[in-house]
Amino acid sequence: MGTFLKWFFAFISEMLNGFGMIFSGLWNGIVQIFNIGNYIKIFKEFSPQFGALGWILAILAILVVLAIYAAIAFLIILAVRKYVRFRHSLVSNEDLLEEIAVLQRRVLKMTREKDEIMAMKVAQMGMAGRGAALAAANAAALSEGGEEGEQGEQPAVEEGVLVTTERRFSKLLDVDNFYKTYVPPAYDDAVTLEQFCERFRNFACSRMHLYYEIKTIRLFVAGMASTKLIILQGISGTGKTSLPYSFGKFLGVDTTIASVQPSWRDRTELLGYFNEFTKNYNETEFLRRVYAASYNDDVNFILLDEMNIARIEYYFAEMLSILEMPNADEWELDIVPSVWSTDPEHFDKGKLRIPQNIWYVGTANNDDSTYAISDKVYDRAQPINLDAKGVAFNAPDTPPICISFTHLNTMFQEAFEKYPISQENMKKIQQLDLWVIEKLRVAFGNRIIKQMGLFVPVYVACGGDELDGIDYVLATKIFRKFESLNLAMLRGELKELCVYINKSFGRGKMNESIAYLERLQKLF
């Protein structure tokens, strides 16, 4: 055993001496590198024999060595700082993770507390058993033979209708109660479209201090005849929001204003939704106005303010599809999948028919905070440009008017028959369509031609000129499509198109279209 210990001591001593030599050698090397006194002694020994060139090279060598030392010191300091920062970030991340874990535990605790509180509230409201009863009733309704539930324990289902005393549409039922004793006003059904436009312009001026050109009002009324969706676009402060608002005041039926929010993504923002927990339908003012319009013969407006601050194709998609159906009897919205005995009177198996006496007016700004309006929306709507503030003028005091939708629609129908687009202009439009297809590969489409056939006669009946109406539709619904083309390569074709329009319709007749095409040439 003693021999082993001697061997082990000698073995370990030899190894430790090796480590000692490494560290001592490293230390001796560092001391040797920074032995300034030895450098000075060597310099004094050789410097007397330096010539001029030797002194210069010696100084340069010293400076180079100092620069190398400085660089090494800088790199060492930089490495130390990075290491310190790295360690600090690791510690911070660990603290952050620990804090997140604590917060998660608190959230779980609060969620459990919330669930307990809601359970107590549900028990107090007597709703704990109602959900099961409704589920059992629906299951019984769907099962073959429709087995009856136990009396006094669950609602009965008769021919697919859940018989209950619960109300899930409070606002719409209030509308039902209001119209039970409703007396329609005395409508002024003697006014013409031209008088209608003039009286509104004077009313807006005298009563609301809003100033509109008569052409703008004619365009708005003509747009009502061609489509149920009107888009008012232009710079801020030109009266886009106030135009439909003042129209509601003029007709004695206030406009419902729905302020579009950037978070709108689907139809529930406009039509509401059924809350499965509370068994109530979250009704919106939009839905309430659409439902109320089914009771009256008024001219109703719903304003979608800042409609392109969210994507119109998302929240208004269902309405765009429904309003495009040729048969108005098919304009129905699916509101709820089941039928309750206490549902509103104008519901048909959970569906609501959209009445004809309501228009949807949207305002749109074009800036960084909004989305571009797609062709799908533009094709189904009538855009009206409001690019200038109204000029003040004097007008006689004009009271509001009470006009029925029936009379307004009758005036539209009379205008369609009395002022159809002339055959000569229709031929020119068809030739223009062929020219645009050949040169620019853009077609008008049957929908736009149909809307033009409705828009122009009413515009003429309101006191406008036929070519002005055609010009406006071409500029806002057809030539607007050119923006999607590579216009930088089509300046020549746009100039040719301007020449063709002037030659076909007459110089100075199609001012809106020519001005728009010239603006496109300058922008691109």
Protein backbone atom coordinates (compact mmCIF):
# COMPACT_ATOMS: atom_id res chain seq x y z
CA MET A 1 0.00 0.00 0.00
CA GLY A 2 2.82 2.40 0.80
CA THR A 3 4.42 1.78 -2.56
CA PHE A 4 1.14 2.62 -4.29
CA LEU A 5 0.78 5.91 -2.43
CA LYS A 6 4.34 6.90 -3.37
CA TRP A 7 3.58 6.11 -7.00
CA PHE A 8 0.30 7.99 -6.95
CA PHE A 9 1.93 11.05 -5.32
CA ALA A 10 4.70 11.05 -7.93
CA PHE A 11 2.18 10.58 -10.76
CA ILE A 12 -0.12 13.43 -9.66
CA SER A 13 2.84 15.70 -8.88
CA GLU A 14 4.17 15.25 -12.38
CA MET A 15 0.76 16.11 -13.88
CA LEU A 16 0.28 19.16 -11.64
CA ASN A 17 3.79 20.36 -12.50
CA GLY A 18 2.76 20.23 -16.16
CA PHE A 19 -0.29 22.41 -15.46
CA GLY A 20 1.90 24.72 -13.41
CA MET A 21 4.38 25.06 -16.25
CA ILE A 22 1.50 25.91 -18.61
CA PHE A 23 0.18 28.70 -16.39
CA SER A 24 3.65 29.94 -15.43
CA GLY A 25 4.69 29.92 -19.08
CA LEU A 26 1.54 31.82 -20.02
CA TRP A 27 2.15 34.34 -17.27
CA ASN A 28 5.82 34.68 -18.21
CA GLY A 29 4.79 35.23 -21.82
CA ILE A 30 2.35 38.00 -20.87
CA VAL A 31 5.01 39.63 -18.65
CA GLN A 32 7.51 39.36 -21.49
CA ILE A 33 5.09 40.99 -23.94
CA PHE A 34 4.45 43.96 -21.66
CA ASN A 35 8.08 44.33 -20.38
CA ILE A 36 8.41 47.98 -21.32
CA GLY A 37 11.76 48.35 -19.55
CA ASN A 38 13.37 45.64 -21.67
CA TYR A 39 12.00 47.35 -24.84
CA ILE A 40 13.57 50.66 -23.76
CA LYS A 41 16.92 48.95 -22.97
CA ILE A 42 17.00 47.31 -26.43
CA PHE A 43 16.05 50.59 -28.10
CA LYS A 44 18.86 52.45 -26.31
CA GLU A 45 21.33 49.74 -27.35
CA PHE A 46 20.59 49.99 -31.07
CA SER A 47 19.32 53.57 -31.58
CA PRO A 48 22.73 55.31 -31.70
CA GLN A 49 23.53 53.37 -34.89
CA PHE A 50 20.21 54.45 -36.64
CA GLY A 51 20.35 56.62 -39.68
CA ALA A 52 17.47 58.88 -40.78
CA LEU A 53 15.65 56.03 -42.50
CA GLY A 54 16.23 53.77 -39.49
CA TRP A 55 14.65 56.29 -37.11
CA ILE A 56 11.60 56.63 -39.39
CA LEU A 57 11.16 52.86 -39.68
CA ALA A 58 11.70 52.39 -35.94
CA ILE A 59 8.99 54.93 -35.11
CA LEU A 60 6.63 53.30 -37.62
CA ALA A 61 7.31 49.89 -36.14
CA ILE A 62 6.56 51.18 -32.63
CA LEU A 63 3.32 52.77 -33.84
CA VAL A 64 2.27 49.55 -35.61
CA VAL A 65 2.92 47.53 -32.47
CA LEU A 66 0.94 50.02 -30.36
CA ALA A 67 -1.92 49.84 -32.87
CA ILE A 68 -1.90 46.03 -32.66
CA TYR A 69 -1.98 46.19 -28.85
CA ALA A 70 -4.86 48.69 -29.00
CA ALA A 71 -6.80 46.47 -31.41
CA ILE A 72 -6.29 43.43 -29.21
CA ALA A 73 -7.44 45.40 -26.16
CA PHE A 74 -10.50 46.66 -28.05
CA LEU A 75 -11.45 43.15 -29.15
CA ILE A 76 -11.06 41.85 -25.61
CA ILE A 77 -13.26 44.66 -24.23
CA LEU A 78 -15.84 44.07 -27.00
CA ALA A 79 -15.93 40.34 -26.25
CA VAL A 80 -16.39 41.01 -22.54
CA ARG A 81 -19.23 43.46 -23.22
CA LYS A 82 -20.99 41.00 -25.54
CA TYR A 83 -20.67 38.29 -22.97
CA VAL A 84 -22.10 40.56 -20.28
CA ARG A 85 -25.03 41.53 -22.53
CA PHE A 86 -25.64 37.90 -23.45
CA ARG A 87 -25.73 36.91 -19.82
CA HIS A 88 -28.02 39.84 -19.03
CA SER A 89 -30.43 38.83 -21.83
CA LEU A 90 -30.46 35.25 -20.60
CA VAL A 91 -31.27 36.39 -17.09
CA SER A 92 -33.94 38.77 -18.40
CA ASN A 93 -35.53 36.01 -20.50
CA GLU A 94 -35.58 33.70 -17.52
CA ASP A 95 -37.23 36.41 -15.42
CA LEU A 96 -39.74 37.09 -18.22
CA LEU A 97 -40.61 33.41 -18.58
CA GLU A 98 -41.10 33.14 -14.86
CA GLU A 99 -43.33 36.22 -14.90
CA ILE A 100 -45.38 34.78 -17.81
CA ALA A 101 -45.83 31.55 -15.90
CA VAL A 102 -47.08 33.51 -12.88
CA LEU A 103 -49.52 35.45 -15.08
CA GLN A 104 -50.78 32.25 -16.69
CA ARG A 105 -51.48 30.79 -13.28
CA ARG A 106 -53.36 33.96 -12.32
CA VAL A 107 -55.40 33.85 -15.56
CA LEU A 108 -56.35 30.24 -14.93
CA LYS A 109 -57.36 31.11 -11.40
CA MET A 110 -59.46 34.08 -12.56
CA THR A 111 -61.06 31.95 -15.30
CA ARG A 112 -62.10 29.37 -12.73
CA GLU A 113 -63.51 32.12 -10.52
CA LYS A 114 -65.41 33.61 -13.46
CA ASP A 115 -66.87 30.22 -14.38
CA GLU A 116 -67.99 29.71 -10.79
CA ILE A 117 -69.63 33.15 -10.72
CA MET A 118 -71.39 32.56 -14.05
CA ALA A 119 -72.58 29.17 -12.87
CA MET A 120 -74.09 30.79 -9.78
CA LYS A 121 -75.78 33.48 -11.89
CA VAL A 122 -77.18 30.90 -14.28
CA ALA A 123 -78.53 28.89 -11.39
CA GLN A 124 -80.17 32.01 -9.91
CA MET A 125 -81.76 32.94 -13.25
CA GLY A 126 -83.20 29.48 -13.66
CA MET A 127 -81.38 28.98 -16.93
CA ALA A 128 -79.51 25.86 -15.95
CA GLY A 129 -82.23 23.54 -17.10
CA ARG A 130 -83.53 25.60 -20.01
CA GLY A 131 -80.64 24.76 -22.32
CA ALA A 132 -81.18 21.04 -21.77
CA ALA A 133 -84.92 21.45 -22.25
CA LEU A 134 -84.44 23.30 -25.56
CA ALA A 135 -81.98 20.68 -26.76
CA ALA A 136 -84.42 17.92 -25.85
CA ALA A 137 -87.24 19.79 -27.61
CA ASN A 138 -85.21 20.22 -30.78
CA ALA A 139 -84.16 16.56 -30.70
CA ALA A 140 -87.80 15.58 -30.32
CA ALA A 141 -88.75 17.78 -33.28
CA LEU A 142 -86.12 16.16 -35.49
CA SER A 143 -86.84 12.59 -34.41
CA GLU A 144 -89.26 10.50 -36.44
CA GLY A 145 -92.81 10.87 -35.22
CA GLY A 146 -92.05 14.00 -33.21
CA GLU A 147 -92.48 12.51 -29.74
CA GLU A 148 -94.00 14.91 -27.28
CA GLY A 149 -92.00 16.02 -24.25
CA GLU A 150 -93.21 15.76 -20.75
CA GLN A 151 -95.69 18.50 -19.99
CA GLY A 152 -94.46 21.20 -17.67
CA GLU A 153 -90.81 20.21 -18.05
CA GLN A 154 -89.86 21.33 -21.60
CA PRO A 155 -91.37 23.49 -24.35
CA ALA A 156 -93.50 21.81 -26.97
CA VAL A 157 -92.58 21.65 -30.64
CA GLU A 158 -95.46 21.95 -33.08
CA GLU A 159 -94.74 21.60 -36.82
CA GLY A 160 -91.12 22.65 -36.37
CA VAL A 161 -92.00 25.70 -34.19
CA LEU A 162 -90.72 25.79 -30.63
CA VAL A 163 -93.60 26.94 -28.43
CA THR A 164 -92.13 29.10 -25.69
CA THR A 165 -92.65 32.33 -23.81
CA GLU A 166 -89.02 33.39 -24.11
CA ARG A 167 -88.22 36.39 -26.33
CA ARG A 168 -84.96 36.46 -28.26
CA PHE A 169 -85.65 39.51 -30.51
CA SER A 170 -86.49 42.36 -28.15
CA LYS A 171 -85.89 45.24 -30.59
CA LEU A 172 -87.75 43.63 -33.48
CA LEU A 173 -90.67 42.74 -31.25
CA ASP A 174 -90.80 46.39 -30.19
CA VAL A 175 -91.10 47.23 -33.89
CA ASP A 176 -94.02 44.80 -34.15
CA ASN A 177 -95.75 46.48 -31.22
CA PHE A 178 -95.14 49.96 -32.64
CA TYR A 179 -96.69 49.17 -36.01
CA LYS A 180 -99.79 47.62 -34.47
CA THR A 181 -101.08 51.15 -33.86
CA TYR A 182 -99.10 52.86 -36.65
CA VAL A 183 -100.98 55.30 -38.86
CA PRO A 184 -99.24 56.08 -42.17
CA PRO A 185 -98.62 59.77 -42.83
CA ALA A 186 -100.30 61.72 -45.59
CA TYR A 187 -97.93 61.28 -48.50
CA ASP A 188 -97.40 64.05 -51.06
CA ASP A 189 -97.68 61.95 -54.21
CA ALA A 190 -98.12 64.82 -56.64
CA VAL A 191 -94.47 65.86 -56.83
CA THR A 192 -92.39 65.10 -59.95
CA LEU A 193 -88.78 63.96 -60.00
CA GLU A 194 -87.54 67.35 -61.16
CA GLN A 195 -89.51 69.12 -58.40
CA PHE A 196 -88.26 66.53 -55.93
CA CYS A 197 -84.63 67.39 -56.72
CA GLU A 198 -85.21 71.14 -56.62
CA ARG A 199 -87.10 71.01 -53.34
CA PHE A 200 -84.44 68.90 -51.67
CA ARG A 201 -81.70 71.28 -52.80
CA ASN A 202 -83.64 74.25 -51.38
CA PHE A 203 -84.45 72.35 -48.17
CA ALA A 204 -80.79 71.44 -47.60
CA CYS A 205 -79.81 75.07 -48.15
CA SER A 206 -82.54 76.80 -46.11
CA ARG A 207 -83.01 74.35 -43.24
CA MET A 208 -79.63 72.58 -42.90
CA HIS A 209 -77.20 75.08 -44.45
CA LEU A 210 -75.84 72.44 -46.81
CA TYR A 211 -75.10 73.41 -50.38
CA TYR A 212 -75.23 70.92 -53.23
CA GLU A 213 -75.12 71.34 -56.97
CA ILE A 214 -78.33 70.32 -58.65
CA LYS A 215 -76.34 67.84 -60.76
CA THR A 216 -75.19 66.00 -57.62
CA ILE A 217 -78.79 65.57 -56.47
CA ARG A 218 -79.89 64.36 -59.89
CA LEU A 219 -77.07 61.83 -59.90
CA PHE A 220 -78.06 60.61 -56.44
CA VAL A 221 -81.72 60.14 -57.36
CA ALA A 222 -80.80 58.48 -60.68
CA GLY A 223 -78.46 56.18 -58.76
CA MET A 224 -81.40 55.17 -56.55
CA ALA A 225 -83.25 54.05 -59.67
CA SER A 226 -80.37 51.93 -60.98
CA THR A 227 -79.19 50.13 -57.84
CA LYS A 228 -79.79 49.76 -54.11
CA LEU A 229 -76.15 50.50 -53.25
CA ILE A 230 -74.73 53.99 -53.77
CA ILE A 231 -71.12 54.92 -53.02
CA LEU A 232 -70.30 58.56 -52.30
CA GLN A 233 -66.57 59.07 -52.76
CA GLY A 234 -64.22 62.01 -52.77
CA ILE A 235 -62.10 64.18 -50.53
CA SER A 236 -63.05 64.82 -46.91
CA GLY A 237 -65.41 67.69 -46.17
CA THR A 238 -67.43 67.65 -49.39
CA GLY A 239 -70.68 66.50 -47.79
CA LYS A 240 -70.61 62.76 -48.39
CA THR A 241 -72.10 61.87 -45.00
CA SER A 242 -74.45 64.84 -44.83
CA LEU A 243 -76.08 64.09 -48.20
CA PRO A 244 -77.93 60.88 -47.18
CA TYR A 245 -78.40 62.29 -43.67
CA SER A 246 -80.14 65.40 -45.00
CA PHE A 247 -82.18 63.27 -47.44
CA GLY A 248 -83.58 61.42 -44.44
CA LYS A 249 -84.50 64.71 -42.78
CA PHE A 250 -86.09 65.94 -46.01
CA LEU A 251 -88.26 62.82 -46.26
CA GLY A 252 -89.18 62.87 -42.58
CA VAL A 253 -87.57 59.47 -41.96
CA ASP A 254 -84.18 59.73 -40.30
CA THR A 255 -81.29 57.88 -41.93
CA THR A 256 -79.84 55.01 -39.91
CA ILE A 257 -76.09 55.51 -39.58
CA ALA A 258 -73.84 52.45 -39.23
CA SER A 259 -70.25 53.54 -38.59
CA VAL A 260 -68.02 50.89 -40.12
CA GLN A 261 -65.11 49.76 -37.93
CA PRO A 262 -61.71 48.39 -39.09
CA SER A 263 -62.40 45.12 -37.22
CA TRP A 264 -65.48 44.23 -39.28
CA ARG A 265 -64.92 40.83 -40.91
CA ASP A 266 -68.30 39.18 -41.46
CA ARG A 267 -72.07 39.67 -41.59
CA THR A 268 -72.50 39.60 -37.81
CA GLU A 269 -71.26 43.19 -37.63
CA LEU A 270 -74.31 44.32 -39.61
CA LEU A 271 -76.94 41.70 -38.87
CA GLY A 272 -76.02 40.64 -35.35
CA TYR A 273 -75.85 37.07 -34.05
CA PHE A 274 -77.61 34.61 -31.77
CA ASN A 275 -75.97 34.16 -28.35
CA GLU A 276 -76.24 30.49 -27.47
CA PHE A 277 -75.54 31.15 -23.81
CA THR A 278 -78.11 33.87 -23.11
CA LYS A 279 -80.54 32.59 -25.80
CA ASN A 280 -80.93 36.16 -27.03
CA TYR A 281 -80.19 37.61 -30.45
CA ASN A 282 -77.79 40.55 -30.43
CA GLU A 283 -79.71 42.90 -32.70
CA THR A 284 -78.08 45.77 -34.58
CA GLU A 285 -79.61 49.02 -35.74
CA PHE A 286 -78.99 47.87 -39.30
CA LEU A 287 -81.17 44.79 -38.78
CA ARG A 288 -83.81 46.81 -36.95
CA ARG A 289 -84.09 49.32 -39.80
CA VAL A 290 -84.31 46.61 -42.46
CA TYR A 291 -87.06 44.91 -40.46
CA ALA A 292 -88.97 48.13 -39.81
CA ALA A 293 -88.85 49.03 -43.52
CA SER A 294 -90.94 45.93 -44.23
CA TYR A 295 -93.82 47.55 -42.36
CA ASN A 296 -93.95 50.98 -44.01
CA ASP A 297 -94.06 52.60 -47.44
CA ASP A 298 -91.42 55.19 -46.61
CA VAL A 299 -88.17 55.80 -48.48
CA ASN A 300 -85.54 54.40 -46.11
CA PHE A 301 -81.78 55.00 -46.07
CA ILE A 302 -79.00 53.18 -44.21
CA LEU A 303 -75.66 54.97 -44.23
CA LEU A 304 -72.47 52.87 -44.08
CA ASP A 305 -70.11 55.60 -42.97
CA GLU A 306 -66.44 55.09 -43.96
CA MET A 307 -67.48 51.84 -45.61
CA ASN A 308 -64.01 51.00 -46.98
CA ILE A 309 -62.20 51.32 -43.65
CA ALA A 310 -62.81 47.54 -43.60
CA ARG A 311 -63.11 45.20 -46.56
CA ILE A 312 -66.61 45.59 -48.01
CA GLU A 313 -66.36 42.14 -49.61
CA TYR A 314 -66.21 40.62 -46.12
CA TYR A 315 -68.94 42.20 -44.01
CA PHE A 316 -71.30 43.11 -46.90
CA ALA A 317 -70.74 40.00 -49.03
CA GLU A 318 -74.13 38.40 -48.39
CA MET A 319 -76.00 41.62 -49.13
CA LEU A 320 -74.05 42.08 -52.38
CA SER A 321 -75.13 38.63 -53.52
CA ILE A 322 -78.77 39.03 -52.48
CA LEU A 323 -79.23 42.46 -54.03
CA GLU A 324 -77.99 41.06 -57.33
CA MET A 325 -80.81 38.51 -57.61
CA PRO A 326 -83.23 39.46 -60.41
CA ASN A 327 -86.30 38.29 -58.50
CA ALA A 328 -86.90 40.56 -55.50
CA ASP A 329 -89.03 37.84 -53.86
CA GLU A 330 -85.80 35.91 -53.33
CA TRP A 331 -84.14 38.71 -51.37
CA GLU A 332 -84.06 36.85 -48.06
CA LEU A 333 -81.61 36.79 -45.18
CA ASP A 334 -81.14 33.72 -43.00
CA ILE A 335 -81.26 35.16 -39.48
CA VAL A 336 -81.76 32.08 -37.25
CA PRO A 337 -81.88 28.36 -38.14
CA SER A 338 -84.75 27.48 -35.79
CA VAL A 339 -88.25 28.92 -35.33
CA TRP A 340 -89.71 30.08 -32.03
CA SER A 341 -93.33 30.96 -31.43
CA THR A 342 -92.26 34.37 -30.11
CA ASP A 343 -90.20 35.36 -33.16
CA PRO A 344 -91.07 38.64 -34.98
CA GLU A 345 -94.16 38.52 -37.16
CA HIS A 346 -92.38 39.25 -40.44
CA PHE A 347 -89.98 36.35 -40.07
CA ASP A 348 -90.60 33.40 -42.38
CA LYS A 349 -89.02 30.24 -40.96
CA GLY A 350 -86.15 32.20 -39.49
CA LYS A 351 -85.68 34.27 -42.67
CA LEU A 352 -86.23 37.99 -43.21
CA ARG A 353 -87.23 39.29 -46.62
CA ILE A 354 -85.37 42.47 -47.58
CA PRO A 355 -87.91 45.14 -48.58
CA GLN A 356 -87.58 47.18 -51.76
CA ASN A 357 -88.03 50.55 -50.09
CA ILE A 358 -84.56 50.74 -48.57
CA TRP A 359 -81.25 51.98 -50.00
CA TYR A 360 -77.72 51.47 -48.70
CA VAL A 361 -75.44 54.48 -49.06
CA GLY A 362 -71.74 54.15 -48.36
CA THR A 363 -69.15 56.91 -47.98
CA ALA A 364 -65.59 56.17 -49.07
CA ASN A 365 -62.28 57.99 -48.66
CA ASN A 366 -59.12 57.01 -50.49
CA ASP A 367 -56.13 57.26 -48.13
CA ASP A 368 -53.64 55.06 -46.31
CA SER A 369 -56.18 54.00 -43.66
CA THR A 370 -58.70 52.52 -46.12
CA TYR A 371 -58.97 49.58 -48.51
CA ALA A 372 -59.39 49.90 -52.24
CA ILE A 373 -62.94 49.13 -53.39
CA SER A 374 -62.94 46.13 -55.72
CA ASP A 375 -64.63 45.81 -59.11
CA LYS A 376 -67.13 43.40 -57.59
CA VAL A 377 -68.49 46.19 -55.39
CA TYR A 378 -68.21 48.97 -57.97
CA ASP A 379 -70.11 46.93 -60.58
CA ARG A 380 -73.04 46.45 -58.21
CA ALA A 381 -73.10 50.05 -56.97
CA GLN A 382 -73.44 53.49 -58.43
CA PRO A 383 -70.45 55.64 -57.45
CA ILE A 384 -70.95 59.38 -57.16
CA ASN A 385 -67.92 61.64 -56.96
CA LEU A 386 -68.03 64.58 -54.55
CA ASP A 387 -64.74 66.36 -55.22
CA ALA A 388 -65.59 69.97 -54.38
CA LYS A 389 -67.25 71.82 -51.54
CA GLY A 390 -70.67 73.23 -52.29
CA VAL A 391 -70.94 76.92 -53.11
CA ALA A 392 -73.36 78.84 -50.89
CA PHE A 393 -76.48 80.26 -52.51
CA ASN A 394 -79.82 81.74 -51.46
CA ALA A 395 -82.91 79.55 -51.45
CA PRO A 396 -86.49 80.03 -50.24
CA ASP A 397 -87.45 78.36 -47.00
CA THR A 398 -88.51 74.86 -47.99
CA PRO A 399 -90.20 72.42 -45.57
CA PRO A 400 -89.59 68.66 -45.67
CA ILE A 401 -91.68 66.47 -47.89
CA CYS A 402 -93.44 63.18 -47.20
CA ILE A 403 -93.26 60.96 -50.26
CA SER A 404 -94.08 57.25 -50.46
CA PHE A 405 -91.85 54.62 -51.94
CA THR A 406 -94.74 53.52 -54.15
CA HIS A 407 -94.94 56.97 -55.75
CA LEU A 408 -91.16 57.26 -56.10
CA ASN A 409 -91.00 53.84 -57.76
CA THR A 410 -93.90 54.81 -60.05
CA MET A 411 -92.00 57.93 -61.12
CA PHE A 412 -88.97 55.76 -61.87
CA GLN A 413 -91.07 53.42 -64.02
CA GLU A 414 -92.61 56.35 -65.90
CA ALA A 415 -89.13 57.76 -66.55
CA PHE A 416 -87.97 54.40 -67.93
CA GLU A 417 -90.83 54.44 -70.42
CA LYS A 418 -90.75 58.14 -71.28
CA TYR A 419 -87.00 58.80 -71.52
CA PRO A 420 -85.28 55.61 -72.71
CA ILE A 421 -81.80 55.99 -74.16
CA SER A 422 -82.13 56.86 -77.83
CA GLN A 423 -81.30 54.24 -80.43
CA GLU A 424 -78.63 56.51 -81.88
CA ASN A 425 -76.79 56.79 -78.55
CA MET A 426 -77.21 53.07 -77.83
CA LYS A 427 -75.57 52.32 -81.17
CA LYS A 428 -72.69 54.66 -80.31
CA ILE A 429 -72.28 52.96 -76.92
CA GLN A 430 -72.15 49.53 -78.57
CA GLN A 431 -69.55 50.74 -81.07
CA LEU A 432 -67.54 52.25 -78.21
CA ASP A 433 -67.72 48.90 -76.42
CA LEU A 434 -66.28 47.13 -79.48
CA TRP A 435 -63.50 49.74 -79.79
CA VAL A 436 -62.51 49.40 -76.12
CA ILE A 437 -62.51 45.59 -76.35
CA GLU A 438 -60.30 45.67 -79.45
CA LYS A 439 -57.81 48.27 -78.20
CA LEU A 440 -57.76 47.80 -74.41
CA ARG A 441 -59.29 44.35 -73.83
CA VAL A 442 -61.94 45.72 -71.45
CA ALA A 443 -65.64 44.93 -71.90
CA PHE A 444 -68.64 46.84 -70.51
CA GLY A 445 -70.68 43.87 -69.36
CA ASN A 446 -74.45 43.38 -69.39
CA ARG A 447 -74.86 44.53 -65.80
CA ILE A 448 -73.45 48.00 -66.52
CA ILE A 449 -75.50 48.38 -69.70
CA LYS A 450 -78.63 47.46 -67.72
CA GLN A 451 -77.79 49.96 -64.98
CA MET A 452 -77.16 52.64 -67.59
CA GLY A 453 -80.61 51.94 -69.06
CA LEU A 454 -82.12 52.66 -65.63
CA PHE A 455 -79.85 55.52 -64.60
CA VAL A 456 -80.03 57.74 -67.69
CA PRO A 457 -83.87 57.97 -68.06
CA VAL A 458 -84.29 58.99 -64.41
CA TYR A 459 -81.42 61.47 -64.70
CA VAL A 460 -83.25 63.03 -67.67
CA ALA A 461 -86.56 63.05 -65.75
CA CYS A 462 -84.80 64.91 -62.93
CA GLY A 463 -83.90 67.69 -65.39
CA GLY A 464 -80.56 66.44 -66.69
CA ASP A 465 -79.31 65.78 -70.22
CA GLU A 466 -79.16 62.30 -71.73
CA LEU A 467 -75.56 62.57 -72.89
CA ASP A 468 -74.51 63.89 -69.47
CA GLY A 469 -76.00 60.81 -67.85
CA ILE A 470 -74.30 58.47 -70.33
CA ASP A 471 -71.05 60.36 -69.87
CA TYR A 472 -71.20 59.96 -66.08
CA VAL A 473 -71.83 56.21 -66.20
CA LEU A 474 -69.02 55.70 -68.72
CA ALA A 475 -66.56 57.67 -66.58
CA THR A 476 -67.43 56.17 -63.18
CA LYS A 477 -68.25 52.55 -64.04
CA ILE A 478 -66.39 51.70 -67.28
CA PHE A 479 -63.35 53.89 -67.77
CA ARG A 480 -62.58 53.48 -64.07
CA LYS A 481 -61.65 49.88 -64.90
CA PHE A 482 -58.65 51.19 -66.86
CA GLU A 483 -56.81 51.83 -63.59
CA SER A 484 -56.04 48.11 -63.37
CA LEU A 485 -54.24 48.18 -66.74
CA ASN A 486 -50.61 49.05 -67.45
CA LEU A 487 -51.48 52.60 -68.40
CA ALA A 488 -47.86 53.65 -68.81
CA MET A 489 -47.83 51.54 -71.97
CA LEU A 490 -51.28 52.66 -73.13
CA ARG A 491 -50.99 56.44 -73.30
CA GLY A 492 -51.35 56.33 -77.07
CA GLU A 493 -54.54 54.25 -76.85
CA LEU A 494 -56.02 56.64 -74.26
CA LYS A 495 -55.37 59.60 -76.56
CA GLU A 496 -57.00 57.69 -79.42
CA LEU A 497 -59.98 56.95 -77.17
CA CYS A 498 -60.43 60.66 -76.40
CA VAL A 499 -60.38 61.45 -80.10
CA TYR A 500 -62.84 58.63 -80.80
CA ILE A 501 -65.29 59.82 -78.09
CA ASN A 502 -65.21 63.42 -79.35
CA LYS A 503 -65.74 62.22 -82.91
CA SER A 504 -68.57 59.84 -82.00
CA PHE A 505 -70.55 61.88 -79.45
CA GLY A 506 -69.43 65.39 -80.36
CA ARG A 507 -66.73 67.64 -79.00
CA GLY A 508 -67.54 69.10 -75.57
CA LYS A 509 -70.34 66.56 -74.92
CA MET A 510 -68.53 63.95 -72.85
CA ASN A 511 -66.64 66.19 -70.45
CA GLU A 512 -66.55 63.74 -67.48
CA SER A 513 -65.08 60.93 -69.56
CA ILE A 514 -62.53 63.12 -71.37
CA ALA A 515 -61.40 64.73 -68.11
CA TYR A 516 -61.00 61.33 -66.45
CA LEU A 517 -59.03 59.86 -69.36
CA GLU A 518 -56.73 62.89 -69.49
CA ARG A 519 -56.14 62.58 -65.74
CA LEU A 520 -55.16 58.94 -66.23
CA GLN A 521 -52.63 59.96 -68.87
CA LYS A 522 -51.01 62.41 -66.46
CA LEU A 523 -50.94 60.06 -63.48
CA PHE A 524 -49.37 57.13 -65.28
